[in-house]
Amino acid sequence: MITNKESVIFTQITKKRKLDREFAWISREFKDFHTLSDIEINNVERYAALHLGYQF
């Protein structure tokens, strides 16, 4: 029989695992961004040129 405490612990562990996966995804997705200027919309062309090897 699952007690209320065990149920709460199971739920907390499940939520923590989901949150860890989200943070891991965010870290992988944004690993190239080091400053706020890297993610500004105005710098999209410069960022694309840098990573595609074009000269601006």
Protein backbone atom coordinates (compact mmCIF):
# COMPACT_ATOMS: atom_id res chain seq x y z
CA MET A 1 0.00 0.00 0.00
CA ILE A 2 1.35 3.41 -0.98
CA THR A 3 1.18 5.94 1.80
CA ASN A 4 0.60 9.64 1.33
CA LYS A 5 4.25 10.40 2.13
CA GLU A 6 5.48 7.93 -0.51
CA SER A 7 3.11 9.42 -3.04
CA VAL A 8 4.39 12.93 -2.35
CA ILE A 9 8.02 11.81 -2.59
CA PHE A 10 7.32 10.00 -5.89
CA THR A 11 5.63 13.12 -7.28
CA GLN A 12 8.52 15.35 -6.19
CA ILE A 13 11.10 13.04 -7.75
CA THR A 14 9.12 12.94 -11.01
CA LYS A 15 8.87 16.73 -11.13
CA LYS A 16 12.58 17.10 -10.37
CA ARG A 17 13.49 14.74 -13.23
CA LYS A 18 11.30 16.70 -15.64
CA LEU A 19 12.83 19.99 -14.48
CA ASP A 20 16.36 18.56 -14.84
CA ARG A 21 15.56 17.51 -18.42
CA GLU A 22 14.26 20.99 -19.22
CA PHE A 23 17.38 22.67 -17.82
CA ALA A 24 19.60 20.24 -19.72
CA TRP A 25 17.75 21.07 -22.95
CA ILE A 26 18.04 24.82 -22.30
CA SER A 27 21.75 24.47 -21.56
CA ARG A 28 22.35 22.56 -24.79
CA GLU A 29 20.20 24.88 -26.87
CA PHE A 30 21.79 28.11 -25.65
CA LYS A 31 25.38 27.00 -25.02
CA ASP A 32 26.69 29.37 -27.72
CA PHE A 33 25.17 32.44 -26.09
CA HIS A 34 27.50 34.08 -23.59
CA THR A 35 26.13 37.62 -23.24
CA LEU A 36 22.79 39.34 -23.66
CA SER A 37 24.00 40.96 -26.88
CA ASP A 38 24.33 37.46 -28.37
CA ILE A 39 20.58 36.90 -28.14
CA GLU A 40 19.32 40.30 -29.23
CA ILE A 41 17.20 40.26 -32.36
CA ASN A 42 19.36 42.95 -33.98
CA ASN A 43 22.37 40.62 -34.02
CA VAL A 44 20.75 37.74 -35.90
CA GLU A 45 22.49 38.53 -39.19
CA ARG A 46 25.88 38.84 -37.50
CA TYR A 47 25.36 35.59 -35.58
CA ALA A 48 24.31 33.72 -38.72
CA ALA A 49 27.26 35.11 -40.66
CA LEU A 50 29.67 34.08 -37.93
CA HIS A 51 28.40 30.52 -37.76
CA LEU A 52 27.93 30.09 -41.51
CA GLY A 53 31.34 31.55 -42.34
CA TYR A 54 30.16 34.60 -44.25
CA GLN A 55 31.92 37.92 -44.03
CA PHE A 56 29.78 40.80 -42.93
